[in-house]
Amino acid sequence: MPFCSCNDIKLYYEVHGQGFPIIFISGLSGGHWSWKEQVDFFRNDYQCIIFDNRGAGKSSKPQGPYNIEQMALDTVHLLYSLRIMEFCAVGISMGGMIAQELALLLPHRIRALVLCATHPGGDLHIPTSSDIYQRLISNEGLSQEEIVEKNIPLLFSQYTRKNHPEILNLYRQGQKLIPEQPLHAFQAQQEAIQGFDCCKRLFNIKTPTLVMTGQDDILIPPENSHLIAERIPQATVKEIPKAGHAIHIEQTQTFNQNIQSFLEQQALSKK
């Protein structure tokens, strides 16, 4: 299995396809498996890089604390190890925060940035309600299956839960196959999110940016996407209807096509 050594840890990664590189960065507790539908869509025209953040999947799970800049530096090490000089970054939720830091770390190498269902941190970001947040972080004593069921109403819109049980069932089946995340690693990732603050630095991101949000996202309210777009000079916002936090799973076709159109607008071509 491919691993990249990043200082004190090892990151698990996979590379699929050929062409201009896209690196997909996962959210809290997520990993390479989160991007299956995106890899299947883009791999014929682009090189798709997927990996597990520290604390998740097959990557190392050291004791905390973690922080978002540290995880962005992990991503930098991975890109360097793969000898990727220019790339597009797509990040969702916590992965969108990592992608913001990545754009600041590698401004001359990142050609396009896609920030999904995320926020800029700091005092200006709009938090979720305290009860929803408590439900999200309350994993102690729960089995993996119980965590999945607890999180479904937090991740998926009411529309999807009512009309598309097949999407939920695929999600359930996929979650059964992934390595269980230790509680200490979940808490360390979650605390990294709480400590993140990029709001005052977003003006320094000059990369063309697409910001996407689900209109029914209760975990990270859609207003955060507009806050981000107001502060990145070359940013546009796309709100996706009938989608909650897991927009890449709920509205896969719309999600993928928006990214594809954005990359073509930036002349980041197919192979």
Protein backbone atom coordinates (compact mmCIF):
# COMPACT_ATOMS: atom_id res chain seq x y z
CA MET A 1 0.00 0.00 0.00
CA PRO A 2 1.33 3.49 -0.81
CA PHE A 3 2.31 5.66 2.13
CA CYS A 4 4.05 9.03 2.31
CA SER A 5 6.24 9.88 5.29
CA CYS A 6 5.42 13.32 6.66
CA ASN A 7 7.63 14.24 9.58
CA ASP A 8 6.41 11.99 12.40
CA ILE A 9 3.56 10.24 10.57
CA LYS A 10 2.67 8.25 7.48
CA LEU A 11 -0.16 9.24 5.15
CA TYR A 12 -2.02 6.66 3.11
CA TYR A 13 -2.79 7.81 -0.45
CA GLU A 14 -3.97 6.62 -3.84
CA VAL A 15 -3.47 8.05 -7.33
CA HIS A 16 -5.97 7.36 -10.10
CA GLY A 17 -5.96 8.46 -13.74
CA GLN A 18 -3.72 10.79 -15.69
CA GLY A 19 -3.82 14.46 -16.59
CA PHE A 20 -3.81 17.68 -14.59
CA PRO A 21 -3.69 16.77 -10.87
CA ILE A 22 -6.65 17.25 -8.55
CA ILE A 23 -6.08 16.56 -4.87
CA PHE A 24 -9.24 15.81 -2.87
CA ILE A 25 -9.09 16.64 0.85
CA SER A 26 -11.53 15.00 3.25
CA GLY A 27 -13.41 16.30 6.25
CA LEU A 28 -13.71 15.22 9.86
CA SER A 29 -13.35 11.42 10.15
CA GLY A 30 -13.34 11.14 6.33
CA GLY A 31 -10.69 9.72 4.06
CA HIS A 32 -9.87 8.49 0.59
CA TRP A 33 -13.10 6.46 0.44
CA SER A 34 -15.14 9.68 0.63
CA TRP A 35 -14.31 10.58 -2.96
CA LYS A 36 -15.26 7.44 -4.87
CA GLU A 37 -17.88 9.17 -7.05
CA GLN A 38 -15.50 12.02 -7.83
CA VAL A 39 -12.64 9.69 -8.76
CA ASP A 40 -14.93 7.68 -11.04
CA PHE A 41 -16.04 10.91 -12.74
CA PHE A 42 -12.67 12.66 -13.15
CA ARG A 43 -10.14 9.85 -13.51
CA ASN A 44 -10.50 9.58 -17.30
CA ASP A 45 -9.42 13.19 -17.80
CA TYR A 46 -7.47 14.20 -14.68
CA GLN A 47 -5.05 12.69 -12.20
CA CYS A 48 -6.98 12.19 -8.96
CA ILE A 49 -5.09 12.09 -5.66
CA ILE A 50 -6.99 10.91 -2.59
CA PHE A 51 -5.58 10.32 0.88
CA ASP A 52 -6.34 9.95 4.56
CA ASN A 53 -5.63 12.91 6.83
CA ARG A 54 -3.66 12.30 10.00
CA GLY A 55 -5.99 10.71 12.49
CA ALA A 56 -8.17 8.88 9.96
CA GLY A 57 -8.34 5.82 7.75
CA LYS A 58 -5.05 4.03 7.16
CA SER A 59 -2.88 7.04 8.04
CA SER A 60 -1.09 7.43 11.37
CA LYS A 61 -3.26 8.42 14.30
CA PRO A 62 -0.94 10.06 16.80
CA GLN A 63 -2.12 11.65 20.00
CA GLY A 64 -3.13 15.29 19.63
CA PRO A 65 -3.10 18.13 19.48
CA TYR A 66 -3.55 18.57 15.73
CA ASN A 67 -4.08 21.84 13.88
CA ILE A 68 -5.27 22.71 10.40
CA GLU A 69 -1.97 24.25 9.25
CA GLN A 70 -0.20 21.06 10.36
CA MET A 71 -2.59 18.99 8.21
CA ALA A 72 -2.04 21.38 5.30
CA LEU A 73 1.71 20.80 5.67
CA ASP A 74 1.03 17.05 5.60
CA THR A 75 -0.67 17.64 2.25
CA VAL A 76 2.31 19.66 1.02
CA HIS A 77 4.64 16.76 1.87
CA LEU A 78 2.40 14.40 -0.09
CA LEU A 79 2.37 16.67 -3.14
CA TYR A 80 6.16 17.05 -3.01
CA SER A 81 6.65 13.30 -2.66
CA LEU A 82 4.54 12.80 -5.79
CA ARG A 83 6.54 15.53 -7.57
CA ILE A 84 3.40 17.49 -8.35
CA MET A 85 4.30 21.06 -9.25
CA GLU A 86 0.86 22.46 -10.11
CA PHE A 87 -2.53 21.24 -9.00
CA CYS A 88 -6.15 21.93 -8.15
CA ALA A 89 -7.35 21.36 -4.57
CA VAL A 90 -10.88 20.27 -3.69
CA GLY A 91 -11.68 20.24 0.03
CA ILE A 92 -14.89 19.56 1.91
CA SER A 93 -15.74 20.64 5.47
CA MET A 94 -12.51 20.29 7.49
CA GLY A 95 -10.84 19.51 4.15
CA GLY A 96 -11.98 22.91 2.92
CA MET A 97 -10.18 24.50 5.86
CA ILE A 98 -7.05 22.52 5.04
CA ALA A 99 -7.40 23.65 1.42
CA GLN A 100 -7.55 27.31 2.49
CA GLU A 101 -4.27 26.90 4.37
CA LEU A 102 -2.80 24.99 1.44
CA ALA A 103 -3.62 27.86 -0.93
CA LEU A 104 -1.75 30.22 1.38
CA LEU A 105 1.23 27.87 1.69
CA LEU A 106 1.61 27.18 -2.06
CA PRO A 107 0.20 30.25 -3.83
CA HIS A 108 2.32 29.78 -6.96
CA ARG A 109 1.51 26.09 -7.39
CA ILE A 110 -2.21 25.94 -6.82
CA ARG A 111 -4.05 26.77 -10.02
CA ALA A 112 -7.62 26.37 -8.81
CA LEU A 113 -9.35 25.97 -5.46
CA VAL A 114 -12.72 24.38 -4.67
CA LEU A 115 -14.05 24.88 -1.14
CA CYS A 116 -17.13 22.84 -0.23
CA ALA A 117 -19.41 22.96 2.82
CA THR A 118 -16.78 24.77 4.87
CA HIS A 119 -16.14 27.96 6.80
CA PRO A 120 -13.28 30.45 7.28
CA GLY A 121 -12.98 30.07 11.04
CA GLY A 122 -12.50 32.92 13.46
CA ASP A 123 -15.06 35.13 15.14
CA LEU A 124 -16.83 36.02 11.90
CA HIS A 125 -17.81 32.51 10.88
CA ILE A 126 -21.39 31.41 11.53
CA PRO A 127 -21.40 28.34 13.78
CA THR A 128 -23.93 25.57 13.87
CA SER A 129 -26.39 25.45 16.75
CA SER A 130 -25.02 24.11 20.01
CA ASP A 131 -27.35 21.09 20.09
CA ILE A 132 -26.36 19.98 16.58
CA TYR A 133 -22.70 20.45 17.43
CA GLN A 134 -23.05 18.37 20.58
CA ARG A 135 -24.73 15.58 18.62
CA LEU A 136 -21.84 15.61 16.14
CA ILE A 137 -19.06 15.33 18.70
CA SER A 138 -20.78 12.90 21.08
CA ASN A 139 -19.18 9.65 19.91
CA GLU A 140 -17.92 8.27 23.18
CA GLY A 141 -19.33 4.83 23.95
CA LEU A 142 -21.01 4.44 20.56
CA SER A 143 -20.35 1.69 18.05
CA GLN A 144 -19.35 2.55 14.50
CA GLU A 145 -22.86 1.69 13.32
CA GLU A 146 -24.43 3.89 15.98
CA ILE A 147 -22.18 6.80 15.00
CA VAL A 148 -23.21 6.43 11.35
CA GLU A 149 -26.92 6.45 12.22
CA LYS A 150 -26.49 9.41 14.58
CA ASN A 151 -24.75 11.42 11.87
CA ILE A 152 -27.11 10.77 8.95
CA PRO A 153 -29.57 13.57 9.91
CA LEU A 154 -26.59 15.90 10.38
CA LEU A 155 -25.02 15.13 7.00
CA PHE A 156 -27.98 14.61 4.69
CA SER A 157 -30.88 16.88 3.85
CA GLN A 158 -34.45 16.04 4.75
CA TYR A 159 -35.17 15.75 1.02
CA THR A 160 -32.59 13.01 0.59
CA ARG A 161 -33.62 11.19 3.75
CA LYS A 162 -37.23 11.15 2.58
CA ASN A 163 -36.83 10.51 -1.15
CA HIS A 164 -33.53 8.70 -1.68
CA PRO A 165 -33.02 5.86 0.80
CA GLU A 166 -30.68 4.25 -1.72
CA ILE A 167 -28.18 7.07 -1.18
CA LEU A 168 -28.30 6.53 2.58
CA ASN A 169 -27.93 2.77 2.19
CA LEU A 170 -24.86 3.18 -0.01
CA TYR A 171 -23.42 5.52 2.60
CA ARG A 172 -24.10 3.00 5.36
CA GLN A 173 -22.52 0.18 3.39
CA GLY A 174 -19.45 2.26 2.60
CA GLN A 175 -18.94 3.25 6.22
CA LYS A 176 -18.84 -0.41 7.25
CA LEU A 177 -15.69 -0.91 5.19
CA ILE A 178 -13.53 1.86 6.61
CA PRO A 179 -11.10 1.63 9.54
CA GLU A 180 -12.67 2.71 12.83
CA GLN A 181 -11.39 6.08 14.03
CA PRO A 182 -10.09 6.09 17.61
CA LEU A 183 -11.79 8.58 19.90
CA HIS A 184 -8.54 10.44 20.59
CA ALA A 185 -8.02 11.05 16.85
CA PHE A 186 -11.61 12.20 16.33
CA GLN A 187 -11.25 14.63 19.20
CA ALA A 188 -7.89 15.89 17.92
CA GLN A 189 -9.35 16.57 14.46
CA GLN A 190 -12.39 18.25 15.99
CA GLU A 191 -10.21 20.47 18.18
CA ALA A 192 -8.17 21.43 15.11
CA ILE A 193 -11.38 22.66 13.50
CA GLN A 194 -12.23 24.69 16.59
CA GLY A 195 -8.82 26.36 16.52
CA PHE A 196 -8.92 27.22 12.81
CA ASP A 197 -8.99 30.90 11.77
CA CYS A 198 -8.30 31.96 8.21
CA CYS A 199 -10.85 34.74 7.97
CA LYS A 200 -8.44 37.68 8.06
CA ARG A 201 -6.03 35.99 5.63
CA LEU A 202 -8.49 35.06 2.90
CA PHE A 203 -7.74 38.30 1.03
CA ASN A 204 -4.27 36.86 0.38
CA ILE A 205 -5.67 33.96 -1.64
CA LYS A 206 -5.41 35.03 -5.27
CA THR A 207 -6.26 31.62 -6.72
CA PRO A 208 -9.48 31.33 -8.75
CA THR A 209 -11.91 29.76 -6.30
CA LEU A 210 -15.25 27.97 -6.48
CA VAL A 211 -17.17 27.85 -3.21
CA MET A 212 -19.99 25.30 -3.01
CA THR A 213 -22.57 24.74 -0.30
CA GLY A 214 -25.72 22.72 0.21
CA GLN A 215 -28.71 24.97 0.76
CA ASP A 216 -29.88 22.70 3.60
CA ASP A 217 -26.54 22.29 5.38
CA ILE A 218 -27.18 22.40 9.14
CA LEU A 219 -23.61 21.57 10.16
CA ILE A 220 -21.93 24.50 8.40
CA PRO A 221 -24.58 27.10 7.49
CA PRO A 222 -24.45 28.24 3.84
CA GLU A 223 -23.81 31.83 4.89
CA ASN A 224 -20.23 30.81 5.59
CA SER A 225 -19.64 30.14 1.90
CA HIS A 226 -20.69 33.70 1.10
CA LEU A 227 -18.34 35.02 3.80
CA ILE A 228 -15.49 33.14 2.14
CA ALA A 229 -16.38 34.33 -1.36
CA GLU A 230 -16.57 37.95 -0.20
CA ARG A 231 -12.98 37.75 1.02
CA ILE A 232 -11.27 35.81 -1.77
CA PRO A 233 -10.86 38.19 -4.72
CA GLN A 234 -11.50 35.61 -7.47
CA ALA A 235 -14.25 33.54 -5.83
CA THR A 236 -17.74 32.57 -6.91
CA VAL A 237 -20.44 30.76 -4.92
CA LYS A 238 -22.71 27.91 -5.99
CA GLU A 239 -25.56 26.89 -3.71
CA ILE A 240 -26.81 23.38 -4.40
CA PRO A 241 -30.49 22.78 -3.65
CA LYS A 242 -31.79 19.64 -1.96
CA ALA A 243 -28.42 19.03 -0.35
CA GLY A 244 -27.11 19.18 3.18
CA HIS A 245 -23.51 18.86 4.34
CA ALA A 246 -22.65 15.79 2.25
CA ILE A 247 -23.19 17.58 -1.05
CA HIS A 248 -20.69 15.42 -2.93
CA ILE A 249 -22.78 12.35 -2.08
CA GLU A 250 -26.32 13.77 -2.19
CA GLN A 251 -26.03 15.72 -5.44
CA THR A 252 -23.08 13.96 -7.03
CA GLN A 253 -23.80 14.84 -10.65
CA THR A 254 -24.35 18.54 -9.95
CA PHE A 255 -21.31 18.65 -7.67
CA ASN A 256 -19.02 17.00 -10.23
CA GLN A 257 -20.29 19.02 -13.17
CA ASN A 258 -19.79 22.30 -11.30
CA ILE A 259 -16.16 21.38 -10.64
CA GLN A 260 -15.63 20.22 -14.21
CA SER A 261 -17.02 23.48 -15.64
CA PHE A 262 -14.91 25.51 -13.23
CA LEU A 263 -11.71 23.69 -14.21
CA GLU A 264 -12.47 24.16 -17.89
CA GLN A 265 -13.00 27.89 -17.28
CA GLN A 266 -9.53 28.00 -15.76
CA ALA A 267 -8.13 26.20 -18.80
CA LEU A 268 -7.03 23.33 -16.57
CA SER A 269 -7.39 20.88 -19.24
CA LYS A 270 -7.94 17.29 -19.66
CA LYS A 271 -5.01 15.11 -20.60
